[in-house]
Structure formats: structure tokens, C-alpha cells
C-alpha atoms as a PDB file:
ATOM      1  CA  UNK A   1      52.413-159.804 -20.783  1.00  0.00           C
ATOM      2  CA  UNK A   2      54.622-159.418 -17.763  1.00  0.00           C
ATOM      3  CA  UNK A   3      56.507-156.521 -19.272  1.00  0.00           C
ATOM      4  CA  UNK A   4      53.409-154.691 -20.231  1.00  0.00           C
ATOM      5  CA  UNK A   5      52.025-154.878 -16.638  1.00  0.00           C
ATOM      6  CA  UNK A   6      55.241-153.517 -15.212  1.00  0.00           C
ATOM      7  CA  UNK A   7      55.243-150.453 -17.390  1.00  0.00           C
ATOM      8  CA  UNK A   8      51.601-149.748 -16.620  1.00  0.00           C
ATOM      9  CA  UNK A   9      52.257-150.012 -12.905  1.00  0.00           C
ATOM     10  CA  UNK A  10      55.212-147.700 -13.039  1.00  0.00           C
ATOM     11  CA  UNK A  11      53.301-145.176 -15.101  1.00  0.00           C
ATOM     12  CA  UNK A  12      50.428-145.090 -12.633  1.00  0.00           C
ATOM     13  CA  UNK A  13      52.804-144.613  -9.678  1.00  0.00           C
ATOM     14  CA  UNK A  14      54.537-141.728 -11.409  1.00  0.00           C
ATOM     15  CA  UNK A  15      51.280-140.054 -12.110  1.00  0.00           C
ATOM     16  CA  UNK A  16      50.293-140.382  -8.512  1.00  0.00           C
ATOM     17  CA  UNK A  17      53.543-138.893  -7.259  1.00  0.00           C
ATOM     18  CA  UNK A  18      53.251-136.043  -9.707  1.00  0.00           C
ATOM     19  CA  UNK A  19      49.761-135.251  -8.523  1.00  0.00           C
ATOM     20  CA  UNK A  20      50.746-135.272  -4.836  1.00  0.00           C
ATOM     21  CA  UNK A  21      53.813-133.113  -5.244  1.00  0.00           C
ATOM     22  CA  UNK A  22      52.111-130.350  -7.186  1.00  0.00           C
ATOM     23  CA  UNK A  23      48.610-130.090  -5.705  1.00  0.00           C
ATOM     24  CA  UNK A  24      48.999-126.352  -4.807  1.00  0.00           C
ATOM     25  CA  UNK A  25      50.539-125.347  -8.093  1.00  0.00           C
ATOM     26  CA  UNK A  26      48.212-123.476 -10.361  1.00  0.00           C
ATOM     27  CA  UNK A  27      46.780-125.364 -13.143  1.00  0.00           C
ATOM     28  CA  UNK A  28      47.848-124.661 -16.640  1.00  0.00           C
ATOM     29  CA  UNK A  29      45.635-123.215 -19.230  1.00  0.00           C
ATOM     30  CA  UNK A  30      45.372-124.633 -22.558  1.00  0.00           C
ATOM     31  CA  UNK A  31      48.350-122.452 -23.578  1.00  0.00           C
ATOM     32  CA  UNK A  32      50.473-123.778 -20.743  1.00  0.00           C
ATOM     33  CA  UNK A  33      50.696-120.392 -18.767  1.00  0.00           C
ATOM     34  CA  UNK A  34      49.860-120.275 -14.971  1.00  0.00           C
ATOM     35  CA  UNK A  35      46.549-118.620 -13.829  1.00  0.00           C
ATOM     36  CA  UNK A  36      46.749-115.423 -11.541  1.00  0.00           C
ATOM     37  CA  UNK A  37      44.808-115.935  -8.271  1.00  0.00           C
ATOM     38  CA  UNK A  38      41.714-113.620  -7.728  1.00  0.00           C
ATOM     39  CA  UNK A  39      41.631-111.406  -4.503  1.00  0.00           C
ATOM     40  CA  UNK A  40      38.411-111.451  -2.395  1.00  0.00           C
ATOM     41  CA  UNK A  41      36.092-108.378  -2.766  1.00  0.00           C
ATOM     42  CA  UNK A  42      36.175-106.023   0.354  1.00  0.00           C
ATOM     43  CA  UNK A  43      32.923-103.939   0.844  1.00  0.00           C
ATOM     44  CA  UNK A  44      33.366-100.140   0.920  1.00  0.00           C
ATOM     45  CA  UNK A  45      32.190 -98.686   4.357  1.00  0.00           C
ATOM     46  CA  UNK A  46      29.388 -96.055   4.403  1.00  0.00           C
ATOM     47  CA  UNK A  47      30.513 -92.466   5.156  1.00  0.00           C
ATOM     48  CA  UNK A  48      29.878 -91.331   8.807  1.00  0.00           C
ATOM     49  CA  UNK A  49      26.520 -89.619   9.536  1.00  0.00           C
ATOM     50  CA  UNK A  50      26.741 -85.832  10.021  1.00  0.00           C
ATOM     51  CA  UNK A  51      26.297 -84.635  13.650  1.00  0.00           C
ATOM     52  CA  UNK A  52      22.738 -83.512  14.570  1.00  0.00           C
ATOM     53  CA  UNK A  53      22.020 -79.829  14.139  1.00  0.00           C
ATOM     54  CA  UNK A  54      21.665 -78.275  17.603  1.00  0.00           C
ATOM     55  CA  UNK A  55      18.145 -76.962  18.376  1.00  0.00           C
ATOM     56  CA  UNK A  56      17.874 -73.192  18.556  1.00  0.00           C
ATOM     57  CA  UNK A  57      15.778 -72.231  21.625  1.00  0.00           C
ATOM     58  CA  UNK A  58      13.455 -69.262  21.480  1.00  0.00           C
ATOM     59  CA  UNK A  59      11.810 -67.811  24.588  1.00  0.00           C
ATOM     60  CA  UNK A  60       8.902 -65.534  25.433  1.00  0.00           C
ATOM     61  CA  UNK A  61       8.091 -64.339  28.958  1.00  0.00           C
ATOM     62  CA  UNK A  62       5.145 -62.413  30.412  1.00  0.00           C
ATOM     63  CA  UNK A  63       4.177 -61.291  33.954  1.00  0.00           C
ATOM     64  CA  UNK A  64       0.611 -60.944  35.171  1.00  0.00           C
ATOM     65  CA  UNK A  65       0.166 -58.396  36.601  1.00  0.00           C
ATOM     66  CA  UNK A  66       3.149 -56.238  35.722  1.00  0.00           C
ATOM     67  CA  UNK A  67       2.098 -53.397  38.080  1.00  0.00           C
ATOM     68  CA  UNK A  68       1.124 -53.577  41.753  1.00  0.00           C
ATOM     69  CA  UNK A  69      -0.629 -51.230  44.143  1.00  0.00           C
ATOM     70  CA  UNK A  70       1.198 -50.101  47.268  1.00  0.00           C
ATOM     71  CA  UNK A  71      -0.062 -53.064  49.285  1.00  0.00           C
ATOM     72  CA  UNK A  72       1.554 -55.631  46.955  1.00  0.00           C
ATOM     73  CA  UNK A  73       0.007 -58.959  46.012  1.00  0.00           C
ATOM     74  CA  UNK A  74       0.487 -62.158  44.006  1.00  0.00           C
ATOM     75  CA  UNK A  75       1.209 -62.760  40.331  1.00  0.00           C
ATOM     76  CA  UNK A  76       2.416 -65.347  37.847  1.00  0.00           C
ATOM     77  CA  UNK A  77       5.262 -65.533  35.328  1.00  0.00           C
ATOM     78  CA  UNK A  78       4.534 -67.419  32.092  1.00  0.00           C
ATOM     79  CA  UNK A  79       7.466 -68.777  30.060  1.00  0.00           C
ATOM     80  CA  UNK A  80       6.897 -70.040  26.529  1.00  0.00           C
ATOM     81  CA  UNK A  81       9.527 -72.226  24.805  1.00  0.00           C
ATOM     82  CA  UNK A  82       9.991 -75.752  23.405  1.00  0.00           C
ATOM     83  CA  UNK A  83      10.170 -78.840  25.586  1.00  0.00           C
ATOM     84  CA  UNK A  84      13.958 -79.343  25.650  1.00  0.00           C
ATOM     85  CA  UNK A  85      14.943 -75.700  26.164  1.00  0.00           C
ATOM     86  CA  UNK A  86      16.336 -74.929  29.594  1.00  0.00           C
ATOM     87  CA  UNK A  87      15.700 -71.683  31.471  1.00  0.00           C
ATOM     88  CA  UNK A  88      16.793 -69.863  34.634  1.00  0.00           C
ATOM     89  CA  UNK A  89      14.878 -67.051  36.345  1.00  0.00           C
ATOM     90  CA  UNK A  90      16.918 -64.110  37.623  1.00  0.00           C
ATOM     91  CA  UNK A  91      15.374 -61.477  39.890  1.00  0.00           C
ATOM     92  CA  UNK A  92      17.101 -58.158  40.607  1.00  0.00           C
ATOM     93  CA  UNK A  93      14.964 -56.971  43.582  1.00  0.00           C
ATOM     94  CA  UNK A  94      14.351 -58.240  47.113  1.00  0.00           C
ATOM     95  CA  UNK A  95      10.772 -56.949  47.319  1.00  0.00           C
ATOM     96  CA  UNK A  96       9.557 -59.526  44.771  1.00  0.00           C
ATOM     97  CA  UNK A  97       9.903 -63.230  45.616  1.00  0.00           C
ATOM     98  CA  UNK A  98       9.767 -66.149  43.159  1.00  0.00           C
ATOM     99  CA  UNK A  99       7.637 -68.839  44.801  1.00  0.00           C
ATOM    100  CA  UNK A 100       8.362 -71.679  42.380  1.00  0.00           C
ATOM    101  CA  UNK A 101      11.510 -73.286  40.925  1.00  0.00           C
ATOM    102  CA  UNK A 102      14.056 -70.838  39.536  1.00  0.00           C
ATOM    103  CA  UNK A 103      15.316 -73.346  36.955  1.00  0.00           C
ATOM    104  CA  UNK A 104      13.645 -75.765  34.578  1.00  0.00           C
ATOM    105  CA  UNK A 105      13.022 -76.605  30.971  1.00  0.00           C
ATOM    106  CA  UNK A 106      10.166 -76.300  28.549  1.00  0.00           C
ATOM    107  CA  UNK A 107       7.086 -74.101  28.935  1.00  0.00           C
ATOM    108  CA  UNK A 108       6.160 -73.283  32.535  1.00  0.00           C
ATOM    109  CA  UNK A 109       4.234 -70.943  34.836  1.00  0.00           C
ATOM    110  CA  UNK A 110       5.803 -69.799  38.112  1.00  0.00           C
ATOM    111  CA  UNK A 111       4.117 -67.813  40.904  1.00  0.00           C
ATOM    112  CA  UNK A 112       5.616 -64.721  42.514  1.00  0.00           C
ATOM    113  CA  UNK A 113       4.613 -62.240  45.241  1.00  0.00           C
ATOM    114  CA  UNK A 114       5.284 -58.535  45.743  1.00  0.00           C
ATOM    115  CA  UNK A 115       5.688 -57.030  49.222  1.00  0.00           C
ATOM    116  CA  UNK A 116       3.906 -53.852  50.272  1.00  0.00           C
ATOM    117  CA  UNK A 117       5.719 -50.632  49.405  1.00  0.00           C
ATOM    118  CA  UNK A 118       5.992 -48.487  52.524  1.00  0.00           C
ATOM    119  CA  UNK A 119       8.438 -46.035  50.958  1.00  0.00           C
ATOM    120  CA  UNK A 120       7.529 -42.772  49.263  1.00  0.00           C
ATOM    121  CA  UNK A 121       8.840 -43.358  45.702  1.00  0.00           C
ATOM    122  CA  UNK A 122       7.493 -45.782  43.119  1.00  0.00           C
ATOM    123  CA  UNK A 123       9.782 -48.717  42.335  1.00  0.00           C
ATOM    124  CA  UNK A 124      10.597 -50.971  39.407  1.00  0.00           C
ATOM    125  CA  UNK A 125      12.408 -54.296  38.934  1.00  0.00           C
ATOM    126  CA  UNK A 126      13.223 -56.794  36.172  1.00  0.00           C
ATOM    127  CA  UNK A 127      12.789 -60.560  35.901  1.00  0.00           C
ATOM    128  CA  UNK A 128      15.088 -62.150  33.289  1.00  0.00           C
ATOM    129  CA  UNK A 129      14.519 -65.548  31.686  1.00  0.00           C
ATOM    130  CA  UNK A 130      17.257 -66.661  29.247  1.00  0.00           C
ATOM    131  CA  UNK A 131      17.625 -63.750  26.800  1.00  0.00           C
ATOM    132  CA  UNK A 132      14.193 -62.249  27.601  1.00  0.00           C
ATOM    133  CA  UNK A 133      13.097 -59.983  30.448  1.00  0.00           C
ATOM    134  CA  UNK A 134       9.932 -58.410  31.810  1.00  0.00           C
ATOM    135  CA  UNK A 135       9.633 -55.280  33.985  1.00  0.00           C
ATOM    136  CA  UNK A 136       7.377 -55.064  37.060  1.00  0.00           C
ATOM    137  CA  UNK A 137       6.528 -51.792  38.804  1.00  0.00           C
ATOM    138  CA  UNK A 138       4.857 -50.829  42.080  1.00  0.00           C
ATOM    139  CA  UNK A 139       3.337 -47.582  43.301  1.00  0.00           C
ATOM    140  CA  UNK A 140       4.873 -45.836  46.301  1.00  0.00           C
ATOM    141  CA  UNK A 141       3.444 -43.761  49.120  1.00  0.00           C
ATOM    142  CA  UNK A 142       4.225 -40.406  47.492  1.00  0.00           C
ATOM    143  CA  UNK A 143       0.988 -40.472  45.518  1.00  0.00           C
ATOM    144  CA  UNK A 144      -1.201 -40.928  48.600  1.00  0.00           C
ATOM    145  CA  UNK A 145      -3.532 -38.221  49.854  1.00  0.00           C
ATOM    146  CA  UNK A 146      -5.012 -38.167  53.353  1.00  0.00           C
ATOM    147  CA  UNK A 147      -7.934 -36.511  55.088  1.00  0.00           C
ATOM    148  CA  UNK A 148      -8.339 -36.704  58.873  1.00  0.00           C
ATOM    149  CA  UNK A 149     -11.468 -35.728  60.775  1.00  0.00           C
ATOM    150  CA  UNK A 150     -12.120 -34.325  63.226  1.00  0.00           C
ATOM    151  CA  UNK A 151      -8.854 -32.473  63.821  1.00  0.00           C
ATOM    152  CA  UNK A 152     -10.108 -30.949  67.088  1.00  0.00           C
ATOM    153  CA  UNK A 153     -12.362 -32.548  69.682  1.00  0.00           C
ATOM    154  CA  UNK A 154     -13.834 -31.404  72.976  1.00  0.00           C
ATOM    155  CA  UNK A 155     -14.873 -34.252  75.236  1.00  0.00           C
ATOM    156  CA  UNK A 156     -16.640 -34.337  78.605  1.00  0.00           C
ATOM    157  CA  UNK A 157     -15.054 -35.043  81.948  1.00  0.00           C
ATOM    158  CA  UNK A 158     -16.268 -38.652  82.064  1.00  0.00           C
ATOM    159  CA  UNK A 159     -14.487 -41.724  80.763  1.00  0.00           C
ATOM    160  CA  UNK A 160     -14.853 -41.417  77.006  1.00  0.00           C
ATOM    161  CA  UNK A 161     -14.533 -43.295  73.708  1.00  0.00           C
ATOM    162  CA  UNK A 162     -14.242 -41.414  70.432  1.00  0.00           C
ATOM    163  CA  UNK A 163     -13.246 -42.037  66.808  1.00  0.00           C
ATOM    164  CA  UNK A 164     -10.979 -40.350  64.292  1.00  0.00           C
ATOM    165  CA  UNK A 165     -11.619 -41.089  60.611  1.00  0.00           C
ATOM    166  CA  UNK A 166      -8.710 -41.402  58.172  1.00  0.00           C
ATOM    167  CA  UNK A 167      -9.688 -41.207  54.500  1.00  0.00           C
ATOM    168  CA  UNK A 168      -7.024 -42.288  52.000  1.00  0.00           C
ATOM    169  CA  UNK A 169      -6.356 -44.666  49.115  1.00  0.00           C
ATOM    170  CA  UNK A 170      -5.786 -48.398  49.083  1.00  0.00           C
ATOM    171  CA  UNK A 171      -2.344 -49.385  50.353  1.00  0.00           C
ATOM    172  CA  UNK A 172      -1.595 -45.914  51.763  1.00  0.00           C
ATOM    173  CA  UNK A 173      -0.032 -46.452  55.187  1.00  0.00           C
ATOM    174  CA  UNK A 174      -0.322 -44.301  58.280  1.00  0.00           C
ATOM    175  CA  UNK A 175       0.643 -44.492  61.937  1.00  0.00           C
ATOM    176  CA  UNK A 176      -0.840 -43.014  65.103  1.00  0.00           C
ATOM    177  CA  UNK A 177       0.485 -42.149  68.558  1.00  0.00           C
ATOM    178  CA  UNK A 178      -0.699 -40.302  71.668  1.00  0.00           C
ATOM    179  CA  UNK A 179       1.441 -37.847  73.615  1.00  0.00           C
ATOM    180  CA  UNK A 180      -0.248 -38.474  76.962  1.00  0.00           C
ATOM    181  CA  UNK A 181      -1.008 -41.532  79.118  1.00  0.00           C
ATOM    182  CA  UNK A 182      -4.619 -40.511  79.774  1.00  0.00           C
ATOM    183  CA  UNK A 183      -5.487 -41.112  76.112  1.00  0.00           C
ATOM    184  CA  UNK A 184      -4.967 -44.662  74.893  1.00  0.00           C
ATOM    185  CA  UNK A 185      -5.243 -45.623  71.225  1.00  0.00           C
ATOM    186  CA  UNK A 186      -6.939 -48.832  70.133  1.00  0.00           C
ATOM    187  CA  UNK A 187      -4.528 -49.267  67.249  1.00  0.00           C
ATOM    188  CA  UNK A 188      -1.222 -47.885  66.035  1.00  0.00           C
ATOM    189  CA  UNK A 189      -2.112 -47.169  62.405  1.00  0.00           C
ATOM    190  CA  UNK A 190      -3.336 -48.862  59.281  1.00  0.00           C
ATOM    191  CA  UNK A 191      -3.236 -49.271  55.518  1.00  0.00           C
ATOM    192  CA  UNK A 192      -5.881 -47.546  53.433  1.00  0.00           C
ATOM    193  CA  UNK A 193      -8.953 -45.852  54.886  1.00  0.00           C
ATOM    194  CA  UNK A 194      -9.784 -46.618  58.490  1.00  0.00           C
ATOM    195  CA  UNK A 195     -11.105 -45.481  61.849  1.00  0.00           C
ATOM    196  CA  UNK A 196      -8.895 -44.901  64.869  1.00  0.00           C
ATOM    197  CA  UNK A 197     -10.632 -45.268  68.240  1.00  0.00           C
ATOM    198  CA  UNK A 198      -9.189 -43.646  71.352  1.00  0.00           C
ATOM    199  CA  UNK A 199     -10.138 -43.932  75.000  1.00  0.00           C
ATOM    200  CA  UNK A 200      -9.881 -41.032  77.450  1.00  0.00           C
ATOM    201  CA  UNK A 201      -9.797 -41.504  81.211  1.00  0.00           C
ATOM    202  CA  UNK A 202     -12.092 -39.660  83.614  1.00  0.00           C
ATOM    203  CA  UNK A 203     -10.640 -36.230  84.342  1.00  0.00           C
ATOM    204  CA  UNK A 204     -10.011 -35.967  88.102  1.00  0.00           C
ATOM    205  CA  UNK A 205      -9.478 -32.194  87.912  1.00  0.00           C
ATOM    206  CA  UNK A 206     -11.665 -30.578  90.601  1.00  0.00           C
ATOM    207  CA  UNK A 207     -10.751 -26.973  89.974  1.00  0.00           C
ATOM    208  CA  UNK A 208     -13.586 -25.098  88.381  1.00  0.00           C
ATOM    209  CA  UNK A 209     -13.616 -24.963  84.556  1.00  0.00           C
ATOM    210  CA  UNK A 210     -10.077 -26.317  84.179  1.00  0.00           C
ATOM    211  CA  UNK A 211      -9.427 -28.401  81.073  1.00  0.00           C
ATOM    212  CA  UNK A 212      -6.568 -30.626  79.906  1.00  0.00           C
ATOM    213  CA  UNK A 213      -5.295 -31.107  76.358  1.00  0.00           C
ATOM    214  CA  UNK A 214      -3.661 -33.955  74.449  1.00  0.00           C
ATOM    215  CA  UNK A 215      -2.412 -34.465  70.909  1.00  0.00           C
ATOM    216  CA  UNK A 216      -2.855 -37.546  68.752  1.00  0.00           C
ATOM    217  CA  UNK A 217      -0.330 -37.552  65.901  1.00  0.00           C
ATOM    218  CA  UNK A 218      -1.208 -39.309  62.652  1.00  0.00           C
ATOM    219  CA  UNK A 219       1.735 -39.652  60.261  1.00  0.00           C
ATOM    220  CA  UNK A 220       2.312 -40.862  56.706  1.00  0.00           C
ATOM    221  CA  UNK A 221       5.177 -40.992  54.184  1.00  0.00           C
ATOM    222  CA  UNK A 222       4.265 -38.041  51.966  1.00  0.00           C
ATOM    223  CA  UNK A 223       5.474 -34.450  51.798  1.00  0.00           C
ATOM    224  CA  UNK A 224       2.592 -33.312  54.047  1.00  0.00           C
ATOM    225  CA  UNK A 225       4.003 -35.571  56.797  1.00  0.00           C
ATOM    226  CA  UNK A 226       0.782 -35.952  58.792  1.00  0.00           C
ATOM    227  CA  UNK A 227      -1.916 -34.392  60.935  1.00  0.00           C
ATOM    228  CA  UNK A 228      -2.212 -33.678  64.658  1.00  0.00           C
ATOM    229  CA  UNK A 229      -5.589 -34.123  66.333  1.00  0.00           C
ATOM    230  CA  UNK A 230      -6.098 -31.893  69.364  1.00  0.00           C
ATOM    231  CA  UNK A 231      -8.289 -33.299  72.159  1.00  0.00           C
ATOM    232  CA  UNK A 232      -9.546 -31.057  74.968  1.00  0.00           C
ATOM    233  CA  UNK A 233     -11.190 -32.632  78.000  1.00  0.00           C
ATOM    234  CA  UNK A 234     -13.190 -30.647  80.492  1.00  0.00           C
ATOM    235  CA  UNK A 235     -12.713 -30.983  84.222  1.00  0.00           C
ATOM    236  CA  UNK A 236     -15.265 -29.925  86.793  1.00  0.00           C
ATOM    237  CA  UNK A 237     -18.082 -27.704  85.567  1.00  0.00           C
ATOM    238  CA  UNK A 238     -21.698 -27.112  86.541  1.00  0.00           C
ATOM    239  CA  UNK A 239     -24.800 -28.299  84.659  1.00  0.00           C
ATOM    240  CA  UNK A 240     -28.396 -27.482  85.531  1.00  0.00           C
ATOM    241  CA  UNK A 241     -31.763 -28.007  83.838  1.00  0.00           C
ATOM    242  CA  UNK A 242     -34.435 -25.412  83.193  1.00  0.00           C
ATOM    243  CA  UNK A 243     -38.001 -25.634  81.875  1.00  0.00           C
ATOM    244  CA  UNK A 244     -39.247 -23.185  79.207  1.00  0.00           C
ATOM    245  CA  UNK A 245     -41.708 -20.757  80.729  1.00  0.00           C
ATOM    246  CA  UNK A 246     -40.671 -21.739  84.230  1.00  0.00           C
ATOM    247  CA  UNK A 247     -38.617 -19.942  86.816  1.00  0.00           C
ATOM    248  CA  UNK A 248     -35.512 -21.232  88.490  1.00  0.00           C
ATOM    249  CA  UNK A 249     -34.045 -24.650  87.913  1.00  0.00           C
ATOM    250  CA  UNK A 250     -35.999 -27.773  87.036  1.00  0.00           C
ATOM    251  CA  UNK A 251     -36.189 -30.780  89.297  1.00  0.00           C
ATOM    252  CA  UNK A 252     -33.969 -33.774  88.636  1.00  0.00           C
ATOM    253  CA  UNK A 253     -37.082 -35.997  88.583  1.00  0.00           C
ATOM    254  CA  UNK A 254     -39.953 -36.118  86.086  1.00  0.00           C
ATOM    255  CA  UNK A 255     -43.313 -37.853  86.594  1.00  0.00           C
ATOM    256  CA  UNK A 256     -45.168 -38.737  83.386  1.00  0.00           C
ATOM    257  CA  UNK A 257     -48.725 -40.060  82.953  1.00  0.00           C
ATOM    258  CA  UNK A 258     -49.542 -43.249  81.096  1.00  0.00           C
ATOM    259  CA  UNK A 259     -50.342 -41.284  77.912  1.00  0.00           C
ATOM    260  CA  UNK A 260     -46.714 -40.129  77.616  1.00  0.00           C
ATOM    261  CA  UNK A 261     -45.707 -36.948  75.804  1.00  0.00           C
ATOM    262  CA  UNK A 262     -42.884 -34.795  74.369  1.00  0.00           C
ATOM    263  CA  UNK A 263     -40.656 -32.772  76.712  1.00  0.00           C
ATOM    264  CA  UNK A 264     -38.228 -29.877  76.373  1.00  0.00           C
ATOM    265  CA  UNK A 265     -35.534 -28.794  78.834  1.00  0.00           C
ATOM    266  CA  UNK A 266     -32.903 -26.086  78.793  1.00  0.00           C
ATOM    267  CA  UNK A 267     -29.381 -27.326  79.525  1.00  0.00           C
ATOM    268  CA  UNK A 268     -27.548 -24.586  81.443  1.00  0.00           C
ATOM    269  CA  UNK A 269     -23.757 -24.841  81.820  1.00  0.00           C
ATOM    270  CA  UNK A 270     -21.260 -22.880  83.865  1.00  0.00           C
ATOM    271  CA  UNK A 271     -19.116 -21.704  82.196  1.00  0.00           C
ATOM    272  CA  UNK A 272     -21.869 -21.271  79.642  1.00  0.00           C
ATOM    273  CA  UNK A 273     -19.566 -20.989  76.589  1.00  0.00           C
ATOM    274  CA  UNK A 274     -17.480 -24.086  77.037  1.00  0.00           C
ATOM    275  CA  UNK A 275     -18.494 -26.873  79.373  1.00  0.00           C
ATOM    276  CA  UNK A 276     -18.793 -30.137  77.406  1.00  0.00           C
ATOM    277  CA  UNK A 277     -21.719 -32.454  77.988  1.00  0.00           C
ATOM    278  CA  UNK A 278     -23.556 -35.387  76.379  1.00  0.00           C
ATOM    279  CA  UNK A 279     -26.919 -37.094  76.746  1.00  0.00           C
ATOM    280  CA  UNK A 280     -26.858 -40.776  77.662  1.00  0.00           C
ATOM    281  CA  UNK A 281     -29.631 -43.296  78.294  1.00  0.00           C
ATOM    282  CA  UNK A 282     -29.800 -47.083  78.481  1.00  0.00           C
ATOM    283  CA  UNK A 283     -33.602 -47.232  78.408  1.00  0.00           C
ATOM    284  CA  UNK A 284     -34.826 -47.858  74.841  1.00  0.00           C
ATOM    285  CA  UNK A 285     -38.408 -46.684  75.496  1.00  0.00           C
ATOM    286  CA  UNK A 286     -37.159 -43.130  76.019  1.00  0.00           C
ATOM    287  CA  UNK A 287     -36.597 -41.497  72.610  1.00  0.00           C
ATOM    288  CA  UNK A 288     -34.057 -38.656  72.783  1.00  0.00           C
ATOM    289  CA  UNK A 289     -34.569 -36.616  69.616  1.00  0.00           C
ATOM    290  CA  UNK A 290     -32.083 -33.767  70.163  1.00  0.00           C
ATOM    291  CA  UNK A 291     -29.215 -33.782  70.658  1.00  0.00           C
ATOM    292  CA  UNK A 292     -28.299 -37.328  69.595  1.00  0.00           C
ATOM    293  CA  UNK A 293     -27.205 -39.751  72.264  1.00  0.00           C
ATOM    294  CA  UNK A 294     -23.450 -39.631  72.843  1.00  0.00           C
ATOM    295  CA  UNK A 295     -23.094 -36.409  70.858  1.00  0.00           C
ATOM    296  CA  UNK A 296     -20.665 -33.968  72.478  1.00  0.00           C
ATOM    297  CA  UNK A 297     -22.144 -30.517  73.076  1.00  0.00           C
ATOM    298  CA  UNK A 298     -20.412 -27.422  74.445  1.00  0.00           C
ATOM    299  CA  UNK A 299     -22.066 -24.680  76.478  1.00  0.00           C
ATOM    300  CA  UNK A 300     -25.774 -24.026  76.904  1.00  0.00           C
ATOM    301  CA  UNK A 301     -28.224 -26.039  74.776  1.00  0.00           C
ATOM    302  CA  UNK A 302     -31.608 -27.716  74.517  1.00  0.00           C
ATOM    303  CA  UNK A 303     -32.814 -31.223  75.277  1.00  0.00           C
ATOM    304  CA  UNK A 304     -35.839 -32.826  73.572  1.00  0.00           C
ATOM    305  CA  UNK A 305     -37.175 -36.306  74.263  1.00  0.00           C
ATOM    306  CA  UNK A 306     -40.406 -38.283  73.869  1.00  0.00           C
ATOM    307  CA  UNK A 307     -42.107 -40.747  76.244  1.00  0.00           C
ATOM    308  CA  UNK A 308     -44.530 -43.140  74.487  1.00  0.00           C
ATOM    309  CA  UNK A 309     -47.843 -44.293  75.968  1.00  0.00           C
ATOM    310  CA  UNK A 310     -47.539 -47.004  78.595  1.00  0.00           C
ATOM    311  CA  UNK A 311     -50.125 -49.794  78.474  1.00  0.00           C
ATOM    312  CA  UNK A 312     -48.491 -51.879  81.167  1.00  0.00           C
ATOM    313  CA  UNK A 313     -47.285 -51.316  84.726  1.00  0.00           C
ATOM    314  CA  UNK A 314     -45.371 -48.235  85.806  1.00  0.00           C
ATOM    315  CA  UNK A 315     -41.738 -47.952  84.714  1.00  0.00           C
ATOM    316  CA  UNK A 316     -38.618 -45.935  85.381  1.00  0.00           C
ATOM    317  CA  UNK A 317     -35.789 -44.570  83.217  1.00  0.00           C
ATOM    318  CA  UNK A 318     -32.788 -42.311  83.639  1.00  0.00           C
ATOM    319  CA  UNK A 319     -31.369 -39.736  81.216  1.00  0.00           C
ATOM    320  CA  UNK A 320     -27.923 -38.413  82.122  1.00  0.00           C
ATOM    321  CA  UNK A 321     -26.987 -34.937  80.928  1.00  0.00           C
ATOM    322  CA  UNK A 322     -23.305 -34.402  81.515  1.00  0.00           C
ATOM    323  CA  UNK A 323     -22.901 -35.742  85.028  1.00  0.00           C
ATOM    324  CA  UNK A 324     -26.466 -34.763  86.026  1.00  0.00           C
ATOM    325  CA  UNK A 325     -29.118 -37.533  86.065  1.00  0.00           C
ATOM    326  CA  UNK A 326     -32.782 -36.901  85.239  1.00  0.00           C
ATOM    327  CA  UNK A 327     -34.978 -39.685  86.649  1.00  0.00           C
ATOM    328  CA  UNK A 328     -38.227 -40.363  84.753  1.00  0.00           C
ATOM    329  CA  UNK A 329     -41.152 -42.302  86.275  1.00  0.00           C
ATOM    330  CA  UNK A 330     -44.134 -43.158  84.078  1.00  0.00           C
ATOM    331  CA  UNK A 331     -47.461 -44.430  85.362  1.00  0.00           C
ATOM    332  CA  UNK A 332     -49.097 -47.550  83.955  1.00  0.00           C
ATOM    333  CA  UNK A 333     -52.731 -48.138  82.962  1.00  0.00           C
END
């Protein structure tokens, strides 16, 4: 029994040593050959994504308006494109100003303004946006026509205001100047049709029938250049009144009954072919029918006026013919 236990113990120890010394050695198959170790599986990476296709930007541009009159004005530039597309506005003329941002992206509307064109020729410019452009044109002064009236005027000796009419198109520019200090202009020109008012001083000339002359020059930028307006002002001359059917000169006073009436006087001038005169009155109840109040007349003429019936107290009025007053007194009822 003791021998058998010893062998069993030794056999178990040997088996244990064998197992510890060869724990990493591959196990044997049934045939006794070693087993080849299996490598771990490595996943295959996905191929890289292709780069994004760049967006192709397309542009359209329009100007409203694309033509301006001579006096210029405001407009707008409309740019049509997709949201991410960038744009830059380029302007090749100084007379048109972009009033919004010159750079941006996506669809947009930008304001612009055109200056007045004071030069004779028409003009044209281009606004470029990306690969697109739009042309804008503007009329010049060369196409303007002008008409000035009157081109000659005869005015009385007194301090005087008068008008000159300038008829032309919209945006057509003109200037005005006087060649003498005794005529002062209430304006130096304008754009388009207008009225120029001038003021003449009293003429101190005391020599008989002596006049003085001035020139008002109106100019514009066309081949016709302009028009001169000639103003003649009378100095001292004589004015008298006569009554039809009467003899000699009429009195400078007139007495009228309460019923009123219509009256006619001759206006006699010396020199009879030239002396300038007007009819003036600040009394509205006296109706001057011919000539019109403030109308300039030259030489001999006729004066007609009407006095209405007076249902109140007596009243007084003055009509001035040239520098000669006619005092009217009307009775009351």
C-alpha cells in the first residue's frame, strides 16, 4: 500500500509541473500537430467623400429708369441671384452716385441718383455687377429750344417792375444778367420754363425826351447761345389830357354825380410818337377799361374808365396817367 501511494503522488506532481511549464504552448490536435493562431479581423475604412461641387452663380441686373431727363433724378438697381452669390457694383461715371452698399450677396435692390446735365451733349454710363452690366443715359442741353418774350420793352420814367417770359423744356437751363446798375434782376436764371422779373430805377434824366437803354442777356448751352432783351426807359416828357369835343386841355380834376357814368379822355404826349406812359389806380371802385392798369403805352392814346353809382357818402379817387394825376370826386346820395 505504501508503494502504491508513492507512485500516485509522484505521478500527480509530474502532471502538475508539466501543466505549469507548458501553459502557453498550443494544444495538440488529435493528430498531434500544433494549431496556427488566428489573427483578429481589421475593418476596412470607408473611402473619403468627394469634395462638394462649387455652386455656379448666375446674375441678372436691371436699372429703373435707364434714361433720365436733363434735370436728373433718382432710380433703383435690382440684382437677381441666389442667396450665397457675392456681388460688387462698379460705376464708371461721376454724375451717377450709388446710394447703397457697393458690395453684398444674394438678391438686392440698391438706390442711385443722377445729377442734372448742364452740358450740351447727351451722356451715357455703365453699371457693372459681376459679369452683367446695364447702361444708363441722360439727355443733354443740346436738344433744348428756347423762346423769350418780349425781346424789346419800353418802360416809363418811374420806378418800374416788369417780367420776361422764358419758354423751354423741362431741365433746360438758362442764365440771366443785366449790363447796367439801374436794372436789377430778381433771379440769375432757372431750369425749365420760368419768368424773370426785373426792377428799373426812376430815370432822373431831366432833358426833354431823352431815353436810356439797357440790355438783359439770357443765355443757354445750345448753338443759338441766347437772347438779348433790350429795355428803353423814357426820361422827362410831357403828358396832358383832352376831352373829346372840347377845346384845349382837360382839367386834372373830375367831379362826378352820385349816379356815376363812363368817361373818355385823350392822352396827349410830347413827343407824341414815343413817350411811354401807364395808367395806375389804387381805388378799386374806379374801373379802368382801356388801357389795362400797368400796361405800357407809347405816344398819344385814349383812356376809358367807369364810375359806378354811389349810394353812400361822397368819395375820392386818383388815376395817374404817366406822371400826371387825375383826381376824381364823386358825390353821395
